[in-house]
């Protein structure tokens, strides 16, 4: 298993970030590689709710997410599966002690590749993990733009 992480500080309140994440129909504005919603449980982001989405051409393909845990103002944890990997993604919020108007937002994907073999053992830490980390960073940069 691998872990990819990214974090950013924003001038925002957790509720603003949570609003963005609670409306997947708008994810194309900030989620890296997001194409369109295929199906969405109307209770999203309640625990157990499922979302299926398609990436842009050449991206991850069909992605299925299911909410594992949602703590308002703190975190949203979902399972994710696409044709290449299965994992758990955690979106977390924390106040910035030095500035009460800012929050830290962290996005982490703990994943396992569905294909294995000697090439994947090398490719994962050198290429896959970096690509995932870069995607998480682009997503958080998109969140910052969407909230600006």
C-alpha atoms as a PDB file:
ATOM      1  CA  UNK A   1       0.000   0.000   0.000  1.00  0.00           C
ATOM      2  CA  UNK A   2       1.033   3.551  -0.632  1.00  0.00           C
ATOM      3  CA  UNK A   3       0.016   6.895   0.757  1.00  0.00           C
ATOM      4  CA  UNK A   4      -0.204  10.185  -1.125  1.00  0.00           C
ATOM      5  CA  UNK A   5      -0.745  13.427   0.801  1.00  0.00           C
ATOM      6  CA  UNK A   6      -1.196  17.123   0.144  1.00  0.00           C
ATOM      7  CA  UNK A   7      -2.121  20.064   2.363  1.00  0.00           C
ATOM      8  CA  UNK A   8      -2.896  23.742   2.065  1.00  0.00           C
ATOM      9  CA  UNK A   9      -3.854  26.640   4.331  1.00  0.00           C
ATOM     10  CA  UNK A  10      -6.935  28.618   3.320  1.00  0.00           C
ATOM     11  CA  UNK A  11      -8.707  31.722   4.483  1.00  0.00           C
ATOM     12  CA  UNK A  12     -12.016  29.964   4.949  1.00  0.00           C
ATOM     13  CA  UNK A  13     -14.154  28.112   7.424  1.00  0.00           C
ATOM     14  CA  UNK A  14     -14.491  24.326   7.342  1.00  0.00           C
ATOM     15  CA  UNK A  15     -18.171  24.658   6.398  1.00  0.00           C
ATOM     16  CA  UNK A  16     -17.195  26.352   3.111  1.00  0.00           C
ATOM     17  CA  UNK A  17     -14.903  23.475   2.146  1.00  0.00           C
ATOM     18  CA  UNK A  18     -17.521  20.958   3.236  1.00  0.00           C
ATOM     19  CA  UNK A  19     -20.128  22.675   1.022  1.00  0.00           C
ATOM     20  CA  UNK A  20     -17.854  22.216  -2.004  1.00  0.00           C
ATOM     21  CA  UNK A  21     -17.387  18.518  -1.210  1.00  0.00           C
ATOM     22  CA  UNK A  22     -21.094  17.938  -0.546  1.00  0.00           C
ATOM     23  CA  UNK A  23     -22.025  18.914  -4.120  1.00  0.00           C
ATOM     24  CA  UNK A  24     -20.190  16.545  -6.513  1.00  0.00           C
ATOM     25  CA  UNK A  25     -21.997  18.064  -9.498  1.00  0.00           C
ATOM     26  CA  UNK A  26     -19.646  21.044  -9.049  1.00  0.00           C
ATOM     27  CA  UNK A  27     -16.431  19.044  -8.639  1.00  0.00           C
ATOM     28  CA  UNK A  28     -15.357  19.703 -12.241  1.00  0.00           C
ATOM     29  CA  UNK A  29     -14.406  23.201 -11.051  1.00  0.00           C
ATOM     30  CA  UNK A  30     -11.779  21.926  -8.601  1.00  0.00           C
ATOM     31  CA  UNK A  31     -11.251  18.123  -8.479  1.00  0.00           C
ATOM     32  CA  UNK A  32      -8.309  17.185 -10.681  1.00  0.00           C
ATOM     33  CA  UNK A  33      -9.393  14.862 -13.510  1.00  0.00           C
ATOM     34  CA  UNK A  34     -13.085  14.929 -12.627  1.00  0.00           C
ATOM     35  CA  UNK A  35     -15.374  14.566 -15.640  1.00  0.00           C
ATOM     36  CA  UNK A  36     -18.981  14.059 -14.578  1.00  0.00           C
ATOM     37  CA  UNK A  37     -21.259  12.364 -12.056  1.00  0.00           C
ATOM     38  CA  UNK A  38     -22.640   8.995 -13.154  1.00  0.00           C
ATOM     39  CA  UNK A  39     -24.761   8.338 -10.061  1.00  0.00           C
ATOM     40  CA  UNK A  40     -25.095  10.041  -6.696  1.00  0.00           C
ATOM     41  CA  UNK A  41     -26.853   8.911  -3.558  1.00  0.00           C
ATOM     42  CA  UNK A  42     -29.109  11.817  -2.511  1.00  0.00           C
ATOM     43  CA  UNK A  43     -27.848  11.536   1.076  1.00  0.00           C
ATOM     44  CA  UNK A  44     -24.245  12.367   0.032  1.00  0.00           C
ATOM     45  CA  UNK A  45     -22.037  12.953   2.115  1.00  0.00           C
ATOM     46  CA  UNK A  46     -23.820  10.951   4.841  1.00  0.00           C
ATOM     47  CA  UNK A  47     -22.158   7.747   6.035  1.00  0.00           C
ATOM     48  CA  UNK A  48     -22.836   4.932   3.568  1.00  0.00           C
ATOM     49  CA  UNK A  49     -23.704   7.236   0.648  1.00  0.00           C
ATOM     50  CA  UNK A  50     -22.220   6.268  -2.734  1.00  0.00           C
ATOM     51  CA  UNK A  51     -21.016   8.355  -5.637  1.00  0.00           C
ATOM     52  CA  UNK A  52     -19.915   7.083  -9.033  1.00  0.00           C
ATOM     53  CA  UNK A  53     -18.104   9.450 -11.370  1.00  0.00           C
ATOM     54  CA  UNK A  54     -16.124   9.363 -14.611  1.00  0.00           C
ATOM     55  CA  UNK A  55     -12.820  11.108 -15.123  1.00  0.00           C
ATOM     56  CA  UNK A  56     -11.779  13.051 -18.203  1.00  0.00           C
ATOM     57  CA  UNK A  57     -10.593  10.974 -21.168  1.00  0.00           C
ATOM     58  CA  UNK A  58      -7.239   9.376 -20.377  1.00  0.00           C
ATOM     59  CA  UNK A  59      -7.800   9.740 -16.619  1.00  0.00           C
ATOM     60  CA  UNK A  60      -8.744   7.302 -13.891  1.00  0.00           C
ATOM     61  CA  UNK A  61     -11.869   6.024 -15.643  1.00  0.00           C
ATOM     62  CA  UNK A  62     -14.890   5.205 -13.507  1.00  0.00           C
ATOM     63  CA  UNK A  63     -14.415   5.998  -9.807  1.00  0.00           C
ATOM     64  CA  UNK A  64     -16.737   4.714  -7.085  1.00  0.00           C
ATOM     65  CA  UNK A  65     -16.695   6.381  -3.680  1.00  0.00           C
ATOM     66  CA  UNK A  66     -18.548   5.503  -0.489  1.00  0.00           C
ATOM     67  CA  UNK A  67     -18.589   7.580   2.681  1.00  0.00           C
ATOM     68  CA  UNK A  68     -17.048   5.783   5.662  1.00  0.00           C
ATOM     69  CA  UNK A  69     -17.022   8.631   8.147  1.00  0.00           C
ATOM     70  CA  UNK A  70     -18.156  12.229   8.194  1.00  0.00           C
ATOM     71  CA  UNK A  71     -17.472  14.520  11.118  1.00  0.00           C
ATOM     72  CA  UNK A  72     -18.739  18.043  10.356  1.00  0.00           C
ATOM     73  CA  UNK A  73     -15.989  20.617  10.703  1.00  0.00           C
ATOM     74  CA  UNK A  74     -13.300  17.942  10.953  1.00  0.00           C
ATOM     75  CA  UNK A  75     -13.191  15.292   8.233  1.00  0.00           C
ATOM     76  CA  UNK A  76     -14.778  13.335   5.412  1.00  0.00           C
ATOM     77  CA  UNK A  77     -13.456   9.813   4.830  1.00  0.00           C
ATOM     78  CA  UNK A  78     -14.450   7.789   1.758  1.00  0.00           C
ATOM     79  CA  UNK A  79     -13.448   4.561   0.094  1.00  0.00           C
ATOM     80  CA  UNK A  80     -12.375   4.969  -3.527  1.00  0.00           C
ATOM     81  CA  UNK A  81     -12.033   2.398  -6.257  1.00  0.00           C
ATOM     82  CA  UNK A  82     -11.151   2.776  -9.913  1.00  0.00           C
ATOM     83  CA  UNK A  83      -9.753   0.300 -12.466  1.00  0.00           C
ATOM     84  CA  UNK A  84      -6.194   0.818 -11.144  1.00  0.00           C
ATOM     85  CA  UNK A  85      -6.490   1.167  -7.371  1.00  0.00           C
ATOM     86  CA  UNK A  86      -8.554   0.788  -4.234  1.00  0.00           C
ATOM     87  CA  UNK A  87      -8.100   3.020  -1.230  1.00  0.00           C
ATOM     88  CA  UNK A  88      -9.359   5.314   1.482  1.00  0.00           C
ATOM     89  CA  UNK A  89      -9.312   9.080   1.004  1.00  0.00           C
ATOM     90  CA  UNK A  90      -9.428  11.450   3.967  1.00  0.00           C
ATOM     91  CA  UNK A  91     -10.247  15.147   3.685  1.00  0.00           C
ATOM     92  CA  UNK A  92      -9.438  16.813   7.026  1.00  0.00           C
ATOM     93  CA  UNK A  93      -9.728  20.344   8.414  1.00  0.00           C
ATOM     94  CA  UNK A  94      -7.850  21.927  11.295  1.00  0.00           C
ATOM     95  CA  UNK A  95      -7.668  25.511  12.547  1.00  0.00           C
ATOM     96  CA  UNK A  96      -4.387  27.346  12.067  1.00  0.00           C
ATOM     97  CA  UNK A  97      -3.327  28.375  15.574  1.00  0.00           C
ATOM     98  CA  UNK A  98      -1.565  31.577  14.464  1.00  0.00           C
ATOM     99  CA  UNK A  99      -4.552  32.866  12.448  1.00  0.00           C
ATOM    100  CA  UNK A 100      -8.152  32.090  13.457  1.00  0.00           C
ATOM    101  CA  UNK A 101      -9.371  33.112   9.973  1.00  0.00           C
ATOM    102  CA  UNK A 102      -7.379  30.307   8.325  1.00  0.00           C
ATOM    103  CA  UNK A 103      -7.792  26.550   8.255  1.00  0.00           C
ATOM    104  CA  UNK A 104      -5.465  23.801   7.227  1.00  0.00           C
ATOM    105  CA  UNK A 105      -6.975  21.398   4.707  1.00  0.00           C
ATOM    106  CA  UNK A 106      -5.299  18.023   4.183  1.00  0.00           C
ATOM    107  CA  UNK A 107      -6.149  15.460   1.543  1.00  0.00           C
ATOM    108  CA  UNK A 108      -4.710  11.953   1.890  1.00  0.00           C
ATOM    109  CA  UNK A 109      -5.177   8.799  -0.177  1.00  0.00           C
ATOM    110  CA  UNK A 110      -4.080   5.503   1.367  1.00  0.00           C
ATOM    111  CA  UNK A 111      -4.199   3.103  -1.582  1.00  0.00           C
ATOM    112  CA  UNK A 112      -3.350  -0.317  -2.952  1.00  0.00           C
ATOM    113  CA  UNK A 113      -2.738  -0.919  -6.645  1.00  0.00           C
ATOM    114  CA  UNK A 114      -4.953  -3.606  -8.139  1.00  0.00           C
ATOM    115  CA  UNK A 115      -2.171  -4.878 -10.413  1.00  0.00           C
ATOM    116  CA  UNK A 116       0.943  -6.333  -8.874  1.00  0.00           C
ATOM    117  CA  UNK A 117       4.297  -7.597 -10.009  1.00  0.00           C
ATOM    118  CA  UNK A 118       7.944  -6.572  -9.990  1.00  0.00           C
ATOM    119  CA  UNK A 119       7.390  -3.575 -12.266  1.00  0.00           C
ATOM    120  CA  UNK A 120       4.616  -2.202 -10.043  1.00  0.00           C
ATOM    121  CA  UNK A 121       6.831  -2.517  -6.959  1.00  0.00           C
ATOM    122  CA  UNK A 122       9.200  -0.044  -8.624  1.00  0.00           C
ATOM    123  CA  UNK A 123       6.598   2.039 -10.478  1.00  0.00           C
ATOM    124  CA  UNK A 124       4.472   2.760  -7.416  1.00  0.00           C
ATOM    125  CA  UNK A 125       6.942   4.796  -5.336  1.00  0.00           C
ATOM    126  CA  UNK A 126       8.640   6.360  -8.371  1.00  0.00           C
ATOM    127  CA  UNK A 127       5.687   7.253 -10.573  1.00  0.00           C
ATOM    128  CA  UNK A 128       2.249   6.353  -9.215  1.00  0.00           C
ATOM    129  CA  UNK A 129       2.582   7.892  -5.755  1.00  0.00           C
ATOM    130  CA  UNK A 130       4.055  11.101  -7.177  1.00  0.00           C
ATOM    131  CA  UNK A 131       1.265  11.357  -9.760  1.00  0.00           C
ATOM    132  CA  UNK A 132      -1.364  10.841  -7.058  1.00  0.00           C
ATOM    133  CA  UNK A 133       0.287  13.411  -4.780  1.00  0.00           C
ATOM    134  CA  UNK A 134       0.416  15.928  -7.638  1.00  0.00           C
ATOM    135  CA  UNK A 135      -3.270  15.292  -8.366  1.00  0.00           C
ATOM    136  CA  UNK A 136      -4.174  15.887  -4.702  1.00  0.00           C
ATOM    137  CA  UNK A 137      -2.176  19.139  -4.787  1.00  0.00           C
ATOM    138  CA  UNK A 138      -3.990  20.290  -7.941  1.00  0.00           C
ATOM    139  CA  UNK A 139      -7.315  19.470  -6.291  1.00  0.00           C
ATOM    140  CA  UNK A 140      -6.462  21.534  -3.198  1.00  0.00           C
ATOM    141  CA  UNK A 141      -5.284  24.407  -5.428  1.00  0.00           C
ATOM    142  CA  UNK A 142      -8.664  24.145  -7.164  1.00  0.00           C
ATOM    143  CA  UNK A 143     -10.426  24.303  -3.790  1.00  0.00           C
ATOM    144  CA  UNK A 144      -8.474  27.468  -2.970  1.00  0.00           C
ATOM    145  CA  UNK A 145      -9.526  29.024  -6.317  1.00  0.00           C
ATOM    146  CA  UNK A 146     -13.145  27.990  -5.829  1.00  0.00           C
ATOM    147  CA  UNK A 147     -13.251  29.616  -2.378  1.00  0.00           C
ATOM    148  CA  UNK A 148     -11.460  32.829  -3.462  1.00  0.00           C
END
